[in-house]
Protein backbone atom coordinates (compact mmCIF):
# COMPACT_ATOMS: atom_id res chain seq x y z
CA MET A 1 -0.14 0.06 -0.51
CA TRP A 2 2.61 2.40 1.08
CA ALA A 3 4.42 1.96 -2.43
CA VAL A 4 1.46 2.90 -4.45
CA CYS A 5 0.68 5.54 -2.44
CA ALA A 6 4.11 6.78 -1.72
CA GLU A 7 4.19 6.78 -6.63
CA LYS A 8 0.92 8.58 -6.71
CA GLU A 9 2.12 11.19 -5.36
CA ILE A 10 4.79 11.52 -8.15
CA LEU A 11 1.44 13.32 -10.13
CA PHE A 12 1.87 15.19 -7.51
CA SER A 13 5.02 16.57 -7.48
CA LEU A 14 4.49 16.55 -11.62
CA ALA A 15 1.66 18.93 -11.46
CA GLU A 16 4.55 21.27 -9.94
CA LEU A 17 6.48 21.25 -11.39
CA VAL A 18 3.78 21.42 -15.00
CA PHE A 19 2.42 24.54 -13.75
CA CYS A 20 5.13 26.59 -11.70
CA PRO A 21 7.57 27.37 -14.56
CA ARG A 22 9.97 29.14 -11.74
CA ILE A 23 11.58 28.12 -8.75
CA VAL A 24 12.52 29.70 -5.79
CA THR A 25 16.22 29.26 -4.59
CA SER A 26 16.37 31.86 -1.94
CA ALA A 27 14.35 34.44 -0.85
CA CYS A 28 14.68 37.32 -3.01
CA SER A 29 15.30 35.65 -5.83
CA THR A 30 14.60 33.09 -8.38
CA VAL A 31 15.38 31.59 -11.87
CA PRO A 32 14.09 30.21 -14.45
CA MET A 33 13.46 26.31 -14.32
CA ASP A 34 15.89 24.01 -15.85
CA LEU A 35 13.50 21.35 -17.62
CA SER A 36 15.41 18.45 -16.81
CA VAL A 37 14.12 18.44 -13.10
CA LEU A 38 10.41 17.96 -15.04
CA THR A 39 12.44 15.09 -17.57
CA GLU A 40 13.76 13.33 -14.38
CA ALA A 41 10.33 13.75 -12.79
CA ILE A 42 8.57 12.59 -15.73
CA ASP A 43 11.52 9.15 -15.77
CA GLU A 44 10.34 9.21 -12.37
CA LEU A 45 6.99 8.09 -12.83
CA PHE A 46 7.72 5.56 -15.90
CA THR A 47 9.89 3.59 -13.08
CA SER A 48 5.99 2.63 -11.99
CA ASP A 49 4.28 0.38 -13.31
CA PRO A 50 1.43 1.59 -15.32
CA SER A 51 -1.17 -0.62 -13.79
CA ARG A 52 -0.50 1.07 -10.89
CA PHE A 53 -2.48 3.83 -12.04
CA ALA A 54 -5.30 2.00 -13.41
CA ASP A 55 -8.14 3.01 -10.92
CA GLY A 56 -10.34 6.00 -11.93
CA GLU A 57 -9.14 8.80 -9.85
CA SER A 58 -5.02 8.27 -11.23
CA ILE A 59 -7.10 8.32 -14.86
CA LEU A 60 -9.02 11.12 -14.58
CA ARG A 61 -4.93 13.19 -12.92
CA LEU A 62 -3.16 11.43 -15.98
CA HIS A 63 -5.54 13.79 -17.86
CA GLN A 64 -5.30 17.03 -16.21
CA GLN A 65 -1.84 16.99 -16.29
CA LEU A 66 -1.49 16.10 -20.15
CA SER A 67 -3.53 19.03 -20.66
CA ARG A 68 -1.47 21.46 -18.28
CA LEU A 69 1.50 20.27 -19.81
CA ASP A 70 -0.11 20.35 -23.47
CA GLY A 71 -1.35 24.23 -22.97
CA PHE A 72 2.02 25.27 -21.52
CA THR A 73 3.51 24.12 -24.35
CA THR A 74 1.36 25.89 -26.74
CA MET A 75 1.44 28.55 -24.43
CA ALA A 76 5.86 28.61 -24.90
CA MET A 77 5.58 27.74 -28.87
CA ALA A 78 3.99 31.21 -29.00
CA GLY A 79 6.44 32.84 -26.89
CA PHE A 80 8.62 31.00 -29.80
CA GLU A 81 6.82 31.87 -32.84
CA THR A 82 7.79 36.16 -31.48
CA SER A 83 11.59 35.40 -30.70
CA GLY A 84 12.49 34.88 -34.30
CA GLU A 85 14.87 32.54 -33.14
CA TRP A 86 13.12 29.93 -35.01
CA ALA A 87 14.45 32.39 -38.61
CA ARG A 88 18.45 31.39 -37.81
CA ASP A 89 18.23 27.92 -39.71
CA GLY A 90 16.14 28.81 -42.18
CA ALA A 91 12.86 28.01 -41.22
CA ARG A 92 10.14 30.19 -42.98
CA THR A 93 7.79 29.78 -40.51
CA ALA A 94 8.23 28.87 -36.42
CA PRO A 95 5.70 25.74 -37.46
CA ALA A 96 8.04 25.13 -40.28
CA TRP A 97 10.64 24.41 -37.44
CA VAL A 98 8.65 22.70 -35.42
CA ALA A 99 7.32 20.39 -37.42
CA ALA A 100 10.45 19.62 -39.02
CA ARG A 101 12.40 19.67 -35.70
CA CYS A 102 9.83 17.51 -33.59
CA ARG A 103 9.53 15.35 -36.32
CA ILE A 104 5.09 16.37 -35.91
CA PRO A 105 2.85 16.91 -39.06
CA GLN A 106 3.21 20.79 -39.94
CA SER A 107 -0.38 20.66 -39.51
CA GLN A 108 -0.24 20.03 -35.84
CA ALA A 109 2.97 22.46 -35.72
CA ARG A 110 0.43 25.58 -36.75
CA ARG A 111 -2.50 24.58 -34.89
CA ARG A 112 -0.98 24.49 -31.47
CA MET A 113 0.55 27.89 -32.80
CA ARG A 114 -2.66 29.54 -33.58
CA ARG A 115 -3.83 28.27 -30.72
CA GLY A 116 -0.61 29.66 -28.29
CA ARG A 117 -2.21 33.13 -30.68
CA ALA A 118 -4.87 33.34 -29.33
CA LEU A 119 -4.51 32.07 -25.60
CA ARG A 120 -2.31 35.68 -25.09
CA PHE A 121 -6.26 37.38 -26.09
CA LEU A 122 -8.27 35.10 -23.64
CA PRO A 123 -6.85 34.72 -20.34
CA LYS A 124 -9.24 32.90 -18.80
CA VAL A 125 -9.05 30.28 -21.21
CA SER A 126 -5.74 30.32 -20.05
CA GLU A 127 -5.90 30.42 -16.73
CA ALA A 128 -8.06 26.85 -17.13
CA CYS A 129 -5.94 25.81 -19.80
CA LEU A 130 -2.84 25.24 -17.16
CA ALA A 131 -4.93 24.68 -13.95
CA GLY A 132 -6.09 21.38 -17.09
CA THR A 133 -9.83 21.47 -16.54
CA ILE A 134 -10.36 21.75 -19.99
CA SER A 135 -7.92 20.13 -23.14
CA SER A 136 -6.60 21.56 -25.79
CA ALA A 137 -9.84 20.10 -27.28
CA HIS A 138 -12.48 22.63 -25.73
CA VAL A 139 -9.49 25.63 -26.53
CA ASP A 140 -9.50 24.69 -29.86
CA GLU A 141 -13.20 25.34 -30.09
CA ILE A 142 -13.67 28.74 -28.63
CA VAL A 143 -10.54 30.29 -30.12
CA ARG A 144 -12.15 28.88 -33.24
CA MET A 145 -15.48 31.58 -32.42
CA ARG A 146 -12.97 34.13 -31.96
CA ARG A 147 -13.12 37.00 -35.01
CA SER A 148 -13.89 40.41 -35.31
CA ALA A 149 -17.72 39.93 -34.78
CA THR A 150 -17.70 38.02 -31.76
CA GLU A 151 -14.59 39.61 -30.49
CA ASP A 152 -16.45 41.86 -27.41
CA ALA A 153 -19.24 39.02 -26.51
CA LEU A 154 -16.50 36.76 -26.14
CA ALA A 155 -14.60 39.03 -23.69
CA ARG A 156 -18.13 38.99 -22.23
CA ASP A 157 -18.82 35.21 -22.28
CA GLU A 158 -15.08 34.29 -21.68
CA ALA A 159 -15.96 33.09 -18.19
CA LEU A 160 -19.50 31.66 -19.30
CA LEU A 161 -17.88 29.47 -21.89
CA VAL A 162 -14.80 28.30 -19.57
CA ASN A 163 -17.84 27.27 -17.23
CA TYR A 164 -19.03 24.92 -19.63
CA ALA A 165 -16.26 23.84 -20.51
CA GLU A 166 -15.26 23.06 -17.45
CA THR A 167 -18.69 21.41 -16.48
CA LEU A 168 -19.90 19.69 -19.73
CA THR A 169 -19.87 16.31 -21.91
CA PHE A 170 -17.74 17.74 -24.56
CA ARG A 171 -20.84 16.94 -26.93
CA ALA A 172 -22.88 19.09 -24.80
CA PHE A 173 -20.32 21.97 -25.13
CA THR A 174 -20.06 22.27 -28.65
CA ARG A 175 -23.82 22.66 -28.69
CA ALA A 176 -24.38 25.18 -25.65
CA LEU A 177 -20.87 27.17 -28.28
CA ALA A 178 -22.87 27.10 -31.39
CA TYR A 179 -25.77 28.18 -29.49
CA TRP A 180 -23.33 30.90 -27.99
CA GLU A 181 -22.30 31.75 -31.70
CA GLN A 182 -25.72 31.87 -33.31
CA ARG A 183 -27.14 34.62 -30.58
CA ALA A 184 -23.32 36.65 -30.63
CA ASP A 185 -23.25 36.46 -34.55
CA PRO A 186 -26.94 35.29 -35.85
CA THR A 187 -25.46 36.22 -39.70
CA GLY A 188 -21.98 34.79 -39.43
CA ALA A 189 -23.82 31.81 -37.70
CA GLU A 190 -26.11 31.65 -41.26
CA ASP A 191 -23.84 32.77 -43.68
CA SER A 192 -21.50 29.81 -42.24
CA ASP A 193 -23.99 27.30 -42.57
CA GLU A 194 -24.26 28.34 -45.84
CA ALA A 195 -21.35 27.60 -46.45
CA ARG A 196 -21.17 24.35 -45.23
CA ARG A 197 -23.93 23.38 -47.50
CA GLY A 198 -21.49 24.44 -50.44
CA ARG A 199 -19.10 22.44 -49.61
CA ARG A 200 -21.41 19.28 -50.49
CA ASP A 201 -19.61 17.45 -53.19
CA ALA A 202 -19.41 13.89 -53.98
CA TYR A 203 -18.81 11.17 -56.91
CA LEU A 204 -18.58 8.33 -58.16
CA VAL A 205 -16.37 6.66 -61.08
CA GLU A 206 -15.82 3.66 -62.40
CA SER A 207 -12.26 2.54 -62.29
CA PHE A 208 -9.40 0.68 -64.46
CA ASP A 209 -10.69 -2.55 -63.07
CA GLY A 210 -14.09 -2.17 -63.03
CA MET A 211 -15.17 -0.92 -60.02
CA TRP A 212 -16.58 1.86 -58.95
CA LEU A 213 -14.55 4.28 -56.26
CA GLY A 214 -16.62 7.16 -54.49
CA SER A 215 -16.66 9.72 -51.56
CA SER A 216 -19.12 12.10 -51.27
CA THR A 217 -18.60 15.40 -48.37
CA LEU A 218 -22.65 16.32 -47.37
CA ASP A 219 -23.98 18.88 -45.09
CA PRO A 220 -25.61 17.96 -41.45
CA ILE A 221 -29.29 18.06 -43.13
CA SER A 222 -28.45 16.60 -46.31
CA GLY A 223 -26.57 14.30 -44.44
CA ALA A 224 -29.06 12.92 -42.08
CA ILE A 225 -31.21 12.76 -44.55
CA VAL A 226 -28.57 10.25 -46.89
CA SER A 227 -27.53 8.78 -43.73
CA THR A 228 -30.98 7.66 -41.90
CA GLU A 229 -32.84 5.90 -45.43
CA TRP A 230 -29.05 3.76 -45.21
CA ASN A 231 -28.82 3.21 -42.02
CA SER A 232 -32.46 1.88 -42.21
CA ILE A 233 -32.11 -0.35 -45.38
CA GLU A 234 -28.70 -1.55 -44.10
CA SER A 235 -30.49 -3.01 -40.99
CA GLU A 236 -33.09 -4.76 -42.97
CA PHE A 237 -30.38 -6.34 -44.58
CA PHE A 238 -28.43 -7.19 -40.98
CA ASN A 239 -31.92 -9.02 -39.82
CA ALA A 240 -32.24 -10.88 -42.87
CA ASP A 241 -28.76 -12.03 -42.76
CA TRP A 242 -28.95 -12.92 -39.06
CA ALA A 243 -32.48 -14.80 -39.80
CA VAL A 244 -30.57 -16.75 -42.90
CA ALA A 245 -27.45 -18.13 -40.80
CA ARG A 246 -29.73 -18.60 -37.94
CA GLU A 247 -32.19 -20.82 -39.55
CA ARG A 248 -29.35 -22.40 -41.78
CA LEU A 249 -26.97 -22.90 -38.47
CA GLY A 250 -30.18 -24.24 -36.35
CA ARG A 251 -28.88 -21.59 -33.06
CA GLU A 252 -28.36 -18.34 -32.62
CA PRO A 253 -25.12 -17.78 -34.90
CA THR A 254 -22.37 -14.78 -34.25
CA MET A 255 -21.57 -11.54 -36.66
CA ALA A 256 -18.28 -14.18 -38.31
CA ASP A 257 -21.70 -16.60 -39.48
CA LEU A 258 -22.81 -13.55 -41.49
CA GLU A 259 -22.74 -14.30 -45.22
CA ARG A 260 -21.98 -10.33 -45.68
CA THR A 261 -19.87 -8.08 -43.97
CA PRO A 262 -20.57 -4.86 -42.46
CA GLY A 263 -18.75 -2.88 -45.88
CA GLN A 264 -20.72 -5.09 -47.42
CA ARG A 265 -23.58 -5.05 -46.13
CA ARG A 266 -23.64 -0.66 -46.58
CA ALA A 267 -22.35 -0.75 -49.61
CA ASP A 268 -25.82 -3.00 -50.95
CA ALA A 269 -28.13 -0.63 -48.67
CA LEU A 270 -26.93 2.30 -51.30
CA THR A 271 -27.07 -0.14 -54.41
CA GLU A 272 -31.12 -0.53 -52.99
CA MET A 273 -31.30 3.54 -52.51
CA ALA A 274 -31.17 3.35 -56.13
CA ILE A 275 -33.25 0.49 -57.02
CA ARG A 276 -36.19 2.15 -54.73
CA SER A 277 -35.37 5.93 -55.76
CA ARG A 278 -36.09 4.01 -59.58
CA THR A 279 -38.84 1.27 -58.99
CA THR A 280 -40.77 4.21 -56.65
CA PRO A 281 -44.89 4.13 -58.15
CA VAL A 282 -46.26 6.83 -59.23
CA GLY A 283 -48.08 8.59 -56.30
CA GLY A 284 -45.27 7.22 -54.15
CA ARG A 285 -43.81 9.66 -51.50
CA ARG A 286 -40.62 10.29 -51.16
CA PRO A 287 -38.28 10.73 -48.40
CA ALA A 288 -38.89 13.73 -46.35
CA PRO A 289 -36.73 15.39 -43.69
CA LEU A 290 -38.72 16.19 -40.30
CA PHE A 291 -39.01 19.64 -38.38
CA THR A 292 -40.10 19.23 -35.06
CA VAL A 293 -41.54 22.16 -33.26
CA LEU A 294 -41.42 23.24 -29.95
CA VAL A 295 -43.79 24.65 -28.08
CA GLY A 296 -43.22 27.09 -24.76
CA TYR A 297 -39.61 24.98 -25.31
CA GLU A 298 -36.97 28.15 -25.45
CA THR A 299 -38.53 30.13 -22.35
CA LEU A 300 -38.31 26.89 -20.14
CA HIS A 301 -35.51 25.68 -21.20
CA GLY A 302 -33.05 27.30 -24.20
CA ARG A 303 -32.95 27.53 -27.89
CA ILE A 304 -33.13 24.63 -29.79
CA CYS A 305 -31.92 23.97 -33.43
CA GLU A 306 -30.89 20.45 -34.25
CA LEU A 307 -31.25 17.45 -36.15
CA ALA A 308 -31.72 14.53 -34.58
CA GLN A 309 -28.03 13.24 -34.21
CA GLY A 310 -27.92 16.18 -31.94
CA ILE A 311 -25.49 18.92 -34.46
CA VAL A 312 -27.11 22.16 -34.35
CA VAL A 313 -27.45 24.19 -37.77
CA SER A 314 -28.99 27.80 -37.82
CA PRO A 315 -32.15 28.71 -38.54
CA GLY A 316 -32.31 30.09 -41.91
CA ALA A 317 -30.09 26.38 -42.63
CA LEU A 318 -34.52 24.49 -42.20
CA VAL A 319 -35.75 27.12 -45.08
CA PRO A 320 -34.48 24.80 -48.38
CA TRP A 321 -36.34 22.03 -47.05
CA LEU A 322 -39.91 23.54 -45.96
CA GLU A 323 -41.51 22.60 -48.90
CA HIS A 324 -40.53 18.67 -48.90
CA ALA A 325 -40.35 18.98 -44.88
CA ASP A 326 -42.76 16.37 -42.47
CA ILE A 327 -43.52 19.29 -39.60
CA GLU A 328 -44.04 17.96 -35.84
CA ARG A 329 -45.44 19.74 -33.09
CA ALA A 330 -43.70 19.15 -28.86
CA VAL A 331 -45.53 20.72 -25.84
CA PHE A 332 -44.15 21.55 -22.95
CA GLY A 333 -44.58 23.61 -19.75
CA PRO A 334 -48.29 24.44 -18.44
CA SER A 335 -50.35 24.88 -21.90
CA PRO A 336 -53.40 21.74 -22.82
CA ARG A 337 -51.08 19.28 -25.17
CA VAL A 338 -52.07 15.33 -25.94
CA GLU A 339 -50.85 13.14 -23.80
CA ILE A 340 -51.64 9.48 -22.89
CA SER A 341 -52.72 8.66 -19.87
CA ALA A 342 -50.61 9.09 -16.42
CA THR A 343 -51.43 5.46 -15.80
CA SER A 344 -50.67 4.05 -18.51
CA ARG A 345 -47.83 1.21 -18.31
CA LEU A 346 -45.27 2.12 -21.57
CA PHE A 347 -44.49 5.60 -23.14
CA THR A 348 -46.74 5.76 -26.47
CA GLY A 349 -47.57 8.07 -28.97
CA ALA A 350 -47.62 12.72 -28.20
CA THR A 351 -45.76 11.56 -24.48
CA ARG A 352 -43.28 9.74 -25.76
CA ARG A 353 -42.24 11.51 -27.90
CA GLY A 354 -41.45 14.66 -26.40
CA VAL A 355 -39.77 12.70 -24.14
CA GLU A 356 -37.48 11.68 -26.77
CA VAL A 357 -37.44 15.34 -28.44
CA ARG A 358 -36.38 16.76 -24.67
CA ASP A 359 -33.36 14.71 -24.00
CA ARG A 360 -32.23 13.78 -27.46
CA GLU A 361 -30.26 10.88 -25.86
CA CYS A 362 -29.09 8.27 -23.10
CA THR A 363 -29.72 10.81 -19.97
CA ASN A 364 -26.64 8.24 -18.47
CA PRO A 365 -23.66 10.85 -18.14
CA TYR A 366 -21.49 8.12 -19.37
CA CYS A 367 -23.59 7.88 -22.71
CA GLU A 368 -24.41 9.44 -25.70
CA ASP A 369 -26.78 6.70 -27.41
CA PRO A 370 -29.13 8.81 -29.68
CA GLU A 371 -33.02 9.00 -28.64
CA ALA A 372 -33.81 6.92 -31.62
CA ASP A 373 -31.73 3.67 -30.05
CA CYS A 374 -32.91 4.32 -26.38
CA GLU A 375 -35.76 3.46 -24.39
CA ILE A 376 -37.61 5.68 -22.78
CA ASP A 377 -37.89 4.76 -18.17
CA HIS A 378 -40.07 5.66 -15.44
CA ILE A 379 -37.66 7.63 -12.70
CA VAL A 380 -40.52 7.15 -10.49
CA PRO A 381 -40.78 3.55 -11.55
CA TRP A 382 -44.47 2.01 -12.91
CA ILE A 383 -44.90 -0.29 -10.49
CA ASP A 384 -44.39 2.12 -7.43
CA GLY A 385 -47.04 4.33 -8.62
CA GLY A 386 -44.63 6.65 -11.29
CA GLN A 387 -46.98 7.94 -13.89
CA THR A 388 -46.52 7.59 -17.54
CA THR A 389 -45.99 11.27 -18.19
CA GLN A 390 -43.11 13.63 -19.46
CA GLU A 391 -42.14 15.00 -16.26
CA ASN A 392 -41.68 11.52 -15.06
CA GLY A 393 -39.76 9.60 -18.51
CA ARG A 394 -36.52 9.86 -18.83
CA VAL A 395 -34.35 8.37 -22.03
CA LEU A 396 -32.51 5.76 -21.14
CA CYS A 397 -30.71 3.06 -23.40
CA GLY A 398 -31.12 -0.19 -22.65
CA TYR A 399 -27.64 -1.39 -21.03
CA HIS A 400 -28.58 1.75 -18.25
CA ASN A 401 -31.88 1.12 -18.68
CA ARG A 402 -31.44 -2.31 -16.85
CA LEU A 403 -28.18 -1.59 -15.20
CA ARG A 404 -30.33 0.75 -13.07
CA ASN A 405 -32.39 -1.99 -11.98
CA GLN A 406 -29.35 -4.46 -10.19
CA LYS A 407 -28.66 -4.30 -6.94
CA PRO A 408 -25.24 -3.18 -6.68
CA PRO A 409 -21.95 -5.44 -6.10
CA PRO A 410 -21.36 -5.89 -2.40
């Protein structure tokens, strides 16, 4: 036990070295820290068996120190660029010098340099970065928001955005940041979505041996339409393959027993999409995106304008699709709304859809499964008198729905 505790003390020592760039040598003087001290501390850490740090607390601390060291290195790189030392070796830019000497991609060096420059104007982001409470990924997302149109709003709301980064999951943080951008620069957000749609592209060409090669880049709405139908057909094929294998083997098959690989099923599903499009009967109804109108939700909970997959889009991005879309209305708050009986055993109809629209993904903090793949669970169990209402419902994936009913280990 002592050995484990002693090893974990290394993490505390390493944290002090990363966060404190100077060592006090007397009561009245300081000298720059010799990086060999940091190297020695890391070397000492490496003498330990990594499995001794394979617990939740250590993993959190290791990631925190990794983020702090990365942030400190990024800030040092910005200072290196200002110094001009890199030009003495004939490098055209500081990122080019770093990429060559550190043997990393130039894109990574440029990204770190941009991050370091921006941190000079984001004191609270810099502080959180050095404290290890946010990562370089959070910093990059906030830096991406910084431009002339948002400069004042970013200065005003910097602490708020840092708080989002420190408390939300990364996926929820990027959503919050997207909504902040829409309010800080509405015109810019619309222009950004229009530019994003402008980057759509696709090709399918025949290769020399008769195979067809393709790629596509779709905007969020177009991509959601295509992927929903594509995934639906692929799911049909998977169920068919599973049934055939089960009948052939006389038992429940494994993935290795199926006739087609996942990639082959996706390819066949894409072909099936084209066949169904070609053979659609006269009067057949074309697939349409589904837009959900939330009545009273913004007042109670906040703004929502995103696809079912959780991708935030600007309201203007929906306009071109309105003529082809299906519209549903979800009512929240005290206004009249259509509900199933509060004593019903299962969530169905408008009540179920209301919970899905509100939660959008599994509500367990360690899960991000979309609501389409989840179940609706009674917060207060139905067997204990819990009502089947929006307020008593929540989205949980099958795993976490079953997990809540399991007894904790002794």
